[in-house]
Amino acid sequence: MTSPYKVQQITPNVALLLAPNPSAWTLEGTNTWIVGTPGSSERAVIDPGPADEGHLDRIMAALGGRDLSQIWLTHSHGDHAEAADPLAERSGATVYTARARDGQVRVAGGERYVLGGVPMLVHAIPGHTVDSLGFELEEDGVVFTGDTLLGRGSTAVGMGLMGEMLTTLARLEALAAAGSGRGFPGHGEILEDLGTAAASRLASRRRRIADVEGRARAGASVDEITDELYAHVAEPSLRMAARHTVVSILKYLDAAAQDGSVATHQR
C-alpha cells in the first residue's frame, strides 16, 4: 500500500507533501506545498505544518538537495505554522507571514515575490482568520487558499469576520475568472475549478446567513439557532466552531443594519 506521506509532483513547479496530522479539523492532514522551477537551485515551502520530526525530515528530503530559502504561511494556526521555526533553523530559510515575530518577514496583499524561480503575488484573504493570505502563481494559474477555501467542506469563520469572508470568496471567484483557475487548499483535495468552488461556497454562506437571520427575527437564541442548523455536527470542537459562525453571522447582520448597507445575504 502506497504511503499517503510521499511527495506528489502536482505541476512542474509545485509538489505536495501531506502532514501526518489527520483530524476532524484538518481532514487527512495539512497540505504542505513545495514550490520551485525544475531548473532552480532554491525551493520555497508553503505551510510547513505541525512540528513533527518525521514530517520535517520528509520536507528536507523532498528538496532533493536544493536550498530551502523561503517558508510561507497562509495563516498562523499551529497546524500550518508550528513547523516554521524549526524548519527555518534546519534550513536557514526566512519565514514570511502576515503576523511576523522576531526574525520573520511581514508581508501584505499586493506584494510580489519569487519562489524558487516562480513569480508569486500575495493576496489578503481574511475570513477564516484576520491574517489569512493567499498566494497566486499567475503564470501557473494557481492560488494557494490556505483554510479560507478547503478542498471539501466548510471552514470555520473567525469571530466577527463573516463580512470579510464573503468579500474574500468573491475575490477568489474573480481571480479564477481572470485566469487562476485551480485552488491549492490547506486541507483536502485540489480544487480543479476554483471559480466554481468559491461561488458555491459564497452561495452557501449567503443561504446560511439568511437562515440565521430568519430564526433570529423569530426570537431564537444563539444556542437554539446552532442546535437547529448544525444538528448534524456532534464533535465538540466543531460544534463550538459552528456556534462561533452563528455569532459571526449575527454580528455581520447587526453591523449591516447599523450602517444601512445593502444586504449581501439574500438568496
C-alpha atoms as a PDB file:
ATOM      1  CA  MET A   1       0.000   0.000   0.000  1.00  0.00           C
ATOM      2  CA  THR A   2       1.329   3.435  -1.006  1.00  0.00           C
ATOM      3  CA  SER A   3       2.068   5.760   1.893  1.00  0.00           C
ATOM      4  CA  PRO A   4      -0.045   8.968   1.912  1.00  0.00           C
ATOM      5  CA  TYR A   5       3.053  10.833   3.084  1.00  0.00           C
ATOM      6  CA  LYS A   6       5.014  10.540  -0.144  1.00  0.00           C
ATOM      7  CA  VAL A   7       5.798  13.626  -2.217  1.00  0.00           C
ATOM      8  CA  GLN A   8       3.395  14.186  -5.099  1.00  0.00           C
ATOM      9  CA  GLN A   9       4.520  16.339  -8.023  1.00  0.00           C
ATOM     10  CA  ILE A  10       1.333  18.243  -8.871  1.00  0.00           C
ATOM     11  CA  THR A  11       2.715  20.600 -11.537  1.00  0.00           C
ATOM     12  CA  PRO A  12       6.254  21.102 -12.855  1.00  0.00           C
ATOM     13  CA  ASN A  13       6.675  23.871 -10.257  1.00  0.00           C
ATOM     14  CA  VAL A  14       4.605  22.600  -7.300  1.00  0.00           C
ATOM     15  CA  ALA A  15       4.850  19.447  -5.173  1.00  0.00           C
ATOM     16  CA  LEU A  16       2.569  18.346  -2.329  1.00  0.00           C
ATOM     17  CA  LEU A  17       3.542  16.654   0.922  1.00  0.00           C
ATOM     18  CA  LEU A  18       0.763  15.672   3.326  1.00  0.00           C
ATOM     19  CA  ALA A  19       1.465  16.181   7.018  1.00  0.00           C
ATOM     20  CA  PRO A  20       0.604  13.274   9.371  1.00  0.00           C
ATOM     21  CA  ASN A  21      -1.969  15.195  11.436  1.00  0.00           C
ATOM     22  CA  PRO A  22      -5.422  13.950  10.356  1.00  0.00           C
ATOM     23  CA  SER A  23      -8.373  15.101  12.458  1.00  0.00           C
ATOM     24  CA  ALA A  24     -11.904  16.410  12.247  1.00  0.00           C
ATOM     25  CA  TRP A  25     -10.389  19.877  11.706  1.00  0.00           C
ATOM     26  CA  THR A  26      -7.570  19.013   9.315  1.00  0.00           C
ATOM     27  CA  LEU A  27      -9.234  16.284   7.196  1.00  0.00           C
ATOM     28  CA  GLU A  28      -6.443  13.946   6.017  1.00  0.00           C
ATOM     29  CA  GLY A  29      -3.823  16.372   7.310  1.00  0.00           C
ATOM     30  CA  THR A  30      -2.210  19.692   6.444  1.00  0.00           C
ATOM     31  CA  ASN A  31      -1.154  20.177   2.832  1.00  0.00           C
ATOM     32  CA  THR A  32       2.484  21.291   2.747  1.00  0.00           C
ATOM     33  CA  TRP A  33       3.413  22.750  -0.636  1.00  0.00           C
ATOM     34  CA  ILE A  34       6.919  22.899  -2.135  1.00  0.00           C
ATOM     35  CA  VAL A  35       7.446  25.473  -4.887  1.00  0.00           C
ATOM     36  CA  GLY A  36      10.280  25.926  -7.360  1.00  0.00           C
ATOM     37  CA  THR A  37      11.067  25.503 -11.045  1.00  0.00           C
ATOM     38  CA  PRO A  38      12.880  22.312 -12.155  1.00  0.00           C
ATOM     39  CA  GLY A  39      15.975  24.349 -13.000  1.00  0.00           C
ATOM     40  CA  SER A  40      16.134  26.395  -9.808  1.00  0.00           C
ATOM     41  CA  SER A  41      18.623  25.633  -7.049  1.00  0.00           C
ATOM     42  CA  GLU A  42      16.177  27.005  -4.453  1.00  0.00           C
ATOM     43  CA  ARG A  43      12.803  25.962  -3.097  1.00  0.00           C
ATOM     44  CA  ALA A  44      10.060  27.604  -1.033  1.00  0.00           C
ATOM     45  CA  VAL A  45       7.673  25.820   1.326  1.00  0.00           C
ATOM     46  CA  ILE A  46       4.104  26.957   1.923  1.00  0.00           C
ATOM     47  CA  ASP A  47       2.529  25.856   5.232  1.00  0.00           C
ATOM     48  CA  PRO A  48       5.152  23.510   6.720  1.00  0.00           C
ATOM     49  CA  GLY A  49       2.514  22.170   9.119  1.00  0.00           C
ATOM     50  CA  PRO A  50       2.951  20.696  12.593  1.00  0.00           C
ATOM     51  CA  ALA A  51       6.339  20.385  14.281  1.00  0.00           C
ATOM     52  CA  ASP A  52       6.507  16.658  13.620  1.00  0.00           C
ATOM     53  CA  GLU A  53      10.098  15.451  13.259  1.00  0.00           C
ATOM     54  CA  GLY A  54       9.195  12.876  10.628  1.00  0.00           C
ATOM     55  CA  HIS A  55       7.373  15.486   8.579  1.00  0.00           C
ATOM     56  CA  LEU A  56      10.309  17.878   8.860  1.00  0.00           C
ATOM     57  CA  ASP A  57      12.618  15.096   7.676  1.00  0.00           C
ATOM     58  CA  ARG A  58      10.360  14.433   4.690  1.00  0.00           C
ATOM     59  CA  ILE A  59      10.268  18.136   3.774  1.00  0.00           C
ATOM     60  CA  MET A  60      14.059  18.321   3.797  1.00  0.00           C
ATOM     61  CA  ALA A  61      14.336  15.134   1.745  1.00  0.00           C
ATOM     62  CA  ALA A  62      11.789  16.450  -0.769  1.00  0.00           C
ATOM     63  CA  LEU A  63      14.063  19.381  -1.557  1.00  0.00           C
ATOM     64  CA  GLY A  64      16.302  16.993  -3.468  1.00  0.00           C
ATOM     65  CA  GLY A  65      19.480  18.698  -2.316  1.00  0.00           C
ATOM     66  CA  ARG A  66      18.240  22.180  -3.212  1.00  0.00           C
ATOM     67  CA  ASP A  67      18.364  25.083  -0.767  1.00  0.00           C
ATOM     68  CA  LEU A  68      15.220  25.991   1.143  1.00  0.00           C
ATOM     69  CA  SER A  69      15.246  29.797   1.083  1.00  0.00           C
ATOM     70  CA  GLN A  70      11.658  30.738   1.973  1.00  0.00           C
ATOM     71  CA  ILE A  71       8.879  29.473   4.248  1.00  0.00           C
ATOM     72  CA  TRP A  72       5.427  30.992   3.658  1.00  0.00           C
ATOM     73  CA  LEU A  73       2.432  30.830   5.995  1.00  0.00           C
ATOM     74  CA  THR A  74      -1.160  31.201   4.804  1.00  0.00           C
ATOM     75  CA  HIS A  75      -2.104  31.967   8.433  1.00  0.00           C
ATOM     76  CA  SER A  76      -0.805  31.478  11.946  1.00  0.00           C
ATOM     77  CA  HIS A  77      -2.758  28.427  13.165  1.00  0.00           C
ATOM     78  CA  GLY A  78      -0.458  25.763  14.568  1.00  0.00           C
ATOM     79  CA  ASP A  79      -1.418  23.021  12.107  1.00  0.00           C
ATOM     80  CA  HIS A  80       0.058  25.248   9.374  1.00  0.00           C
ATOM     81  CA  ALA A  81       2.704  27.281  11.165  1.00  0.00           C
ATOM     82  CA  GLU A  82       4.087  25.247  14.068  1.00  0.00           C
ATOM     83  CA  ALA A  83       6.923  23.785  11.976  1.00  0.00           C
ATOM     84  CA  ALA A  84       8.025  27.137  10.560  1.00  0.00           C
ATOM     85  CA  ASP A  85      10.666  27.985  13.169  1.00  0.00           C
ATOM     86  CA  PRO A  86      12.202  24.503  13.471  1.00  0.00           C
ATOM     87  CA  LEU A  87      12.283  24.188   9.675  1.00  0.00           C
ATOM     88  CA  ALA A  88      13.924  27.618   9.420  1.00  0.00           C
ATOM     89  CA  GLU A  89      16.531  26.514  11.970  1.00  0.00           C
ATOM     90  CA  ARG A  90      17.321  23.402   9.945  1.00  0.00           C
ATOM     91  CA  SER A  91      17.498  25.153   6.594  1.00  0.00           C
ATOM     92  CA  GLY A  92      18.374  28.803   7.202  1.00  0.00           C
ATOM     93  CA  ALA A  93      15.186  29.843   5.360  1.00  0.00           C
ATOM     94  CA  THR A  94      13.319  33.073   6.071  1.00  0.00           C
ATOM     95  CA  VAL A  95       9.709  32.876   7.280  1.00  0.00           C
ATOM     96  CA  TYR A  96       7.157  35.135   5.531  1.00  0.00           C
ATOM     97  CA  THR A  97       3.799  35.764   7.190  1.00  0.00           C
ATOM     98  CA  ALA A  98       1.133  38.390   7.811  1.00  0.00           C
ATOM     99  CA  ARG A  99       1.786  38.191  11.544  1.00  0.00           C
ATOM    100  CA  ALA A 100       5.558  38.227  11.871  1.00  0.00           C
ATOM    101  CA  ARG A 101       7.589  37.611  15.013  1.00  0.00           C
ATOM    102  CA  ASP A 102      11.298  38.264  15.552  1.00  0.00           C
ATOM    103  CA  GLY A 103      13.334  37.055  12.612  1.00  0.00           C
ATOM    104  CA  GLN A 104      10.292  36.719  10.342  1.00  0.00           C
ATOM    105  CA  VAL A 105       9.234  38.989   7.473  1.00  0.00           C
ATOM    106  CA  ARG A 106       5.790  40.583   7.495  1.00  0.00           C
ATOM    107  CA  VAL A 107       4.057  40.599   4.121  1.00  0.00           C
ATOM    108  CA  ALA A 108       0.788  42.075   2.856  1.00  0.00           C
ATOM    109  CA  GLY A 109      -1.602  41.778  -0.029  1.00  0.00           C
ATOM    110  CA  GLY A 110      -0.400  43.231  -3.316  1.00  0.00           C
ATOM    111  CA  GLU A 111       3.274  42.428  -2.769  1.00  0.00           C
ATOM    112  CA  ARG A 112       5.204  40.334  -5.299  1.00  0.00           C
ATOM    113  CA  TYR A 113       7.952  37.792  -4.688  1.00  0.00           C
ATOM    114  CA  VAL A 114       9.750  34.997  -6.495  1.00  0.00           C
ATOM    115  CA  LEU A 115       9.624  31.493  -5.032  1.00  0.00           C
ATOM    116  CA  GLY A 116      12.320  29.230  -6.431  1.00  0.00           C
ATOM    117  CA  GLY A 117      12.115  30.966  -9.786  1.00  0.00           C
ATOM    118  CA  VAL A 118       8.288  31.151  -9.755  1.00  0.00           C
ATOM    119  CA  PRO A 119       6.688  34.633  -9.630  1.00  0.00           C
ATOM    120  CA  MET A 120       4.081  34.978  -6.854  1.00  0.00           C
ATOM    121  CA  LEU A 121       1.511  37.625  -5.921  1.00  0.00           C
ATOM    122  CA  VAL A 122       0.282  37.883  -2.309  1.00  0.00           C
ATOM    123  CA  HIS A 123      -3.436  38.395  -1.618  1.00  0.00           C
ATOM    124  CA  ALA A 124      -5.059  39.295   1.691  1.00  0.00           C
ATOM    125  CA  ILE A 125      -7.940  36.796   2.062  1.00  0.00           C
ATOM    126  CA  PRO A 126      -9.347  37.269   5.592  1.00  0.00           C
ATOM    127  CA  GLY A 127     -12.313  35.284   6.799  1.00  0.00           C
ATOM    128  CA  HIS A 128     -11.034  32.102   8.386  1.00  0.00           C
ATOM    129  CA  THR A 129      -8.595  34.312  10.283  1.00  0.00           C
ATOM    130  CA  VAL A 130      -7.809  38.006  10.109  1.00  0.00           C
ATOM    131  CA  ASP A 131      -4.241  37.238   8.972  1.00  0.00           C
ATOM    132  CA  SER A 132      -5.083  34.796   6.156  1.00  0.00           C
ATOM    133  CA  LEU A 133      -3.060  35.173   2.959  1.00  0.00           C
ATOM    134  CA  GLY A 134      -3.461  33.672  -0.490  1.00  0.00           C
ATOM    135  CA  PHE A 135      -0.510  33.097  -2.796  1.00  0.00           C
ATOM    136  CA  GLU A 136      -1.133  33.310  -6.531  1.00  0.00           C
ATOM    137  CA  LEU A 137       1.224  31.808  -9.113  1.00  0.00           C
ATOM    138  CA  GLU A 138      -0.192  33.781 -12.031  1.00  0.00           C
ATOM    139  CA  GLU A 139       1.850  32.052 -14.726  1.00  0.00           C
ATOM    140  CA  ASP A 140       0.775  28.651 -13.391  1.00  0.00           C
ATOM    141  CA  GLY A 141      -2.889  29.605 -12.917  1.00  0.00           C
ATOM    142  CA  VAL A 142      -2.856  28.533  -9.255  1.00  0.00           C
ATOM    143  CA  VAL A 143      -3.931  30.111  -5.944  1.00  0.00           C
ATOM    144  CA  PHE A 144      -2.937  28.653  -2.563  1.00  0.00           C
ATOM    145  CA  THR A 145      -6.054  29.262  -0.467  1.00  0.00           C
ATOM    146  CA  GLY A 146      -4.978  28.063   2.990  1.00  0.00           C
ATOM    147  CA  ASP A 147      -8.040  27.368   5.142  1.00  0.00           C
ATOM    148  CA  THR A 148     -10.118  30.138   3.605  1.00  0.00           C
ATOM    149  CA  LEU A 149     -11.376  27.677   0.991  1.00  0.00           C
ATOM    150  CA  LEU A 150     -10.871  23.989   1.729  1.00  0.00           C
ATOM    151  CA  GLY A 151     -10.691  21.085  -0.673  1.00  0.00           C
ATOM    152  CA  ARG A 152     -14.068  19.980   0.687  1.00  0.00           C
ATOM    153  CA  GLY A 153     -16.459  21.052   3.384  1.00  0.00           C
ATOM    154  CA  SER A 154     -16.880  24.374   5.128  1.00  0.00           C
ATOM    155  CA  THR A 155     -14.143  26.134   7.047  1.00  0.00           C
ATOM    156  CA  ALA A 156     -14.596  27.916  10.362  1.00  0.00           C
ATOM    157  CA  VAL A 157     -15.142  31.666  10.148  1.00  0.00           C
ATOM    158  CA  GLY A 158     -13.179  33.851  12.539  1.00  0.00           C
ATOM    159  CA  MET A 159     -15.230  35.678  15.145  1.00  0.00           C
ATOM    160  CA  GLY A 160     -16.663  38.814  13.576  1.00  0.00           C
ATOM    161  CA  LEU A 161     -15.176  38.060  10.133  1.00  0.00           C
ATOM    162  CA  MET A 162     -18.246  36.988   8.163  1.00  0.00           C
ATOM    163  CA  GLY A 163     -18.292  40.124   6.040  1.00  0.00           C
ATOM    164  CA  GLU A 164     -14.612  39.659   5.248  1.00  0.00           C
ATOM    165  CA  MET A 165     -15.246  36.017   4.322  1.00  0.00           C
ATOM    166  CA  LEU A 166     -17.953  36.982   1.814  1.00  0.00           C
ATOM    167  CA  THR A 167     -15.663  39.562   0.232  1.00  0.00           C
ATOM    168  CA  THR A 168     -12.788  37.071   0.083  1.00  0.00           C
ATOM    169  CA  LEU A 169     -14.862  34.348  -1.593  1.00  0.00           C
ATOM    170  CA  ALA A 170     -15.994  36.834  -4.235  1.00  0.00           C
ATOM    171  CA  ARG A 171     -12.360  37.817  -4.758  1.00  0.00           C
ATOM    172  CA  LEU A 172     -11.271  34.212  -5.210  1.00  0.00           C
ATOM    173  CA  GLU A 173     -14.036  33.751  -7.749  1.00  0.00           C
ATOM    174  CA  ALA A 174     -12.742  36.818  -9.607  1.00  0.00           C
ATOM    175  CA  LEU A 175      -9.148  35.535  -9.551  1.00  0.00           C
ATOM    176  CA  ALA A 176     -10.345  32.334 -11.160  1.00  0.00           C
ATOM    177  CA  ALA A 177     -12.212  34.265 -13.836  1.00  0.00           C
ATOM    178  CA  ALA A 178      -9.014  36.247 -14.514  1.00  0.00           C
ATOM    179  CA  GLY A 179      -7.032  33.071 -15.193  1.00  0.00           C
ATOM    180  CA  SER A 180      -6.001  31.368 -11.944  1.00  0.00           C
ATOM    181  CA  GLY A 181      -8.439  28.518 -12.210  1.00  0.00           C
ATOM    182  CA  ARG A 182      -7.060  25.980  -9.718  1.00  0.00           C
ATOM    183  CA  GLY A 183      -7.059  26.220  -5.939  1.00  0.00           C
ATOM    184  CA  PHE A 184      -4.458  24.500  -3.759  1.00  0.00           C
ATOM    185  CA  PRO A 185      -6.022  24.420  -0.266  1.00  0.00           C
ATOM    186  CA  GLY A 186      -4.604  23.951   3.207  1.00  0.00           C
ATOM    187  CA  HIS A 187      -6.572  20.721   3.669  1.00  0.00           C
ATOM    188  CA  GLY A 188      -8.359  18.358   1.339  1.00  0.00           C
ATOM    189  CA  GLU A 189      -8.296  17.801  -2.388  1.00  0.00           C
ATOM    190  CA  ILE A 190      -7.096  20.212  -5.051  1.00  0.00           C
ATOM    191  CA  LEU A 191      -9.857  22.485  -6.337  1.00  0.00           C
ATOM    192  CA  GLU A 192      -9.692  21.918 -10.073  1.00  0.00           C
ATOM    193  CA  ASP A 193     -12.253  24.691 -10.657  1.00  0.00           C
ATOM    194  CA  LEU A 194     -11.515  27.435  -8.160  1.00  0.00           C
ATOM    195  CA  GLY A 195     -14.207  29.739  -9.513  1.00  0.00           C
ATOM    196  CA  THR A 196     -16.979  27.181  -9.151  1.00  0.00           C
ATOM    197  CA  ALA A 197     -15.789  26.206  -5.664  1.00  0.00           C
ATOM    198  CA  ALA A 198     -15.656  29.825  -4.484  1.00  0.00           C
ATOM    199  CA  ALA A 199     -19.051  30.660  -5.995  1.00  0.00           C
ATOM    200  CA  SER A 200     -20.620  27.575  -4.437  1.00  0.00           C
ATOM    201  CA  ARG A 201     -19.222  28.357  -1.006  1.00  0.00           C
ATOM    202  CA  LEU A 202     -20.288  32.005  -1.308  1.00  0.00           C
ATOM    203  CA  ALA A 203     -23.851  30.958  -2.175  1.00  0.00           C
ATOM    204  CA  SER A 204     -23.848  28.527   0.744  1.00  0.00           C
ATOM    205  CA  ARG A 205     -22.663  31.244   3.133  1.00  0.00           C
ATOM    206  CA  ARG A 206     -25.397  33.581   1.961  1.00  0.00           C
ATOM    207  CA  ARG A 207     -28.053  30.898   2.433  1.00  0.00           C
ATOM    208  CA  ARG A 208     -26.797  30.227   5.939  1.00  0.00           C
ATOM    209  CA  ILE A 209     -26.877  33.949   6.731  1.00  0.00           C
ATOM    210  CA  ALA A 210     -30.489  34.102   5.572  1.00  0.00           C
ATOM    211  CA  ASP A 211     -31.317  31.039   7.696  1.00  0.00           C
ATOM    212  CA  VAL A 212     -29.769  32.605  10.806  1.00  0.00           C
ATOM    213  CA  GLU A 213     -31.452  35.936  10.144  1.00  0.00           C
ATOM    214  CA  GLY A 214     -34.876  34.323   9.864  1.00  0.00           C
ATOM    215  CA  ARG A 215     -34.514  32.391  13.101  1.00  0.00           C
ATOM    216  CA  ALA A 216     -33.100  35.381  14.963  1.00  0.00           C
ATOM    217  CA  ARG A 217     -36.058  37.508  13.892  1.00  0.00           C
ATOM    218  CA  ALA A 218     -38.325  34.774  15.248  1.00  0.00           C
ATOM    219  CA  GLY A 219     -36.656  35.205  18.629  1.00  0.00           C
ATOM    220  CA  ALA A 220     -34.324  32.164  18.682  1.00  0.00           C
ATOM    221  CA  SER A 221     -31.179  32.356  20.813  1.00  0.00           C
ATOM    222  CA  VAL A 222     -27.654  31.649  19.581  1.00  0.00           C
ATOM    223  CA  ASP A 223     -27.716  28.162  21.085  1.00  0.00           C
ATOM    224  CA  GLU A 224     -31.157  27.421  19.647  1.00  0.00           C
ATOM    225  CA  ILE A 225     -30.043  28.519  16.186  1.00  0.00           C
ATOM    226  CA  THR A 226     -26.884  26.417  16.467  1.00  0.00           C
ATOM    227  CA  ASP A 227     -28.844  23.362  17.610  1.00  0.00           C
ATOM    228  CA  GLU A 228     -31.243  23.655  14.697  1.00  0.00           C
ATOM    229  CA  LEU A 229     -28.866  24.498  11.872  1.00  0.00           C
ATOM    230  CA  TYR A 230     -25.960  22.316  12.988  1.00  0.00           C
ATOM    231  CA  ALA A 231     -27.779  19.295  14.411  1.00  0.00           C
ATOM    232  CA  HIS A 232     -25.524  17.074  12.258  1.00  0.00           C
ATOM    233  CA  VAL A 233     -22.325  18.374  13.947  1.00  0.00           C
ATOM    234  CA  ALA A 234     -21.542  16.274  17.016  1.00  0.00           C
ATOM    235  CA  GLU A 235     -17.774  16.668  17.594  1.00  0.00           C
ATOM    236  CA  PRO A 236     -17.460  19.188  20.480  1.00  0.00           C
ATOM    237  CA  SER A 237     -14.806  21.477  18.994  1.00  0.00           C
ATOM    238  CA  LEU A 238     -16.572  21.582  15.626  1.00  0.00           C
ATOM    239  CA  ARG A 239     -19.830  22.307  17.431  1.00  0.00           C
ATOM    240  CA  MET A 240     -18.176  25.258  19.152  1.00  0.00           C
ATOM    241  CA  ALA A 241     -16.908  26.481  15.779  1.00  0.00           C
ATOM    242  CA  ALA A 242     -20.467  26.246  14.442  1.00  0.00           C
ATOM    243  CA  ARG A 243     -21.666  28.378  17.338  1.00  0.00           C
ATOM    244  CA  HIS A 244     -18.935  30.919  16.588  1.00  0.00           C
ATOM    245  CA  THR A 245     -20.148  31.015  12.985  1.00  0.00           C
ATOM    246  CA  VAL A 246     -23.667  31.802  14.155  1.00  0.00           C
ATOM    247  CA  VAL A 247     -22.321  34.603  16.365  1.00  0.00           C
ATOM    248  CA  SER A 248     -20.251  35.948  13.450  1.00  0.00           C
ATOM    249  CA  ILE A 249     -23.349  35.984  11.250  1.00  0.00           C
ATOM    250  CA  LEU A 250     -25.350  37.854  13.886  1.00  0.00           C
ATOM    251  CA  LYS A 251     -22.545  40.416  14.263  1.00  0.00           C
ATOM    252  CA  TYR A 252     -22.440  40.795  10.485  1.00  0.00           C
ATOM    253  CA  LEU A 253     -26.200  41.324  10.294  1.00  0.00           C
ATOM    254  CA  ASP A 254     -26.100  43.816  13.149  1.00  0.00           C
ATOM    255  CA  ALA A 255     -23.303  45.812  11.511  1.00  0.00           C
ATOM    256  CA  ALA A 256     -25.121  45.794   8.170  1.00  0.00           C
ATOM    257  CA  ALA A 257     -28.294  47.069   9.840  1.00  0.00           C
ATOM    258  CA  GLN A 258     -26.451  49.834  11.661  1.00  0.00           C
ATOM    259  CA  ASP A 259     -24.597  51.202   8.641  1.00  0.00           C
ATOM    260  CA  GLY A 260     -27.551  50.739   6.277  1.00  0.00           C
ATOM    261  CA  SER A 261     -25.517  48.738   3.789  1.00  0.00           C
ATOM    262  CA  VAL A 262     -27.233  46.747   1.085  1.00  0.00           C
ATOM    263  CA  ALA A 263     -27.785  43.189   2.296  1.00  0.00           C
ATOM    264  CA  THR A 264     -25.492  40.658   0.668  1.00  0.00           C
ATOM    265  CA  HIS A 265     -27.166  37.678   2.279  1.00  0.00           C
ATOM    266  CA  GLN A 266     -30.258  37.474   0.132  1.00  0.00           C
ATOM    267  CA  ARG A 267     -30.931  34.223  -1.709  1.00  0.00           C
END
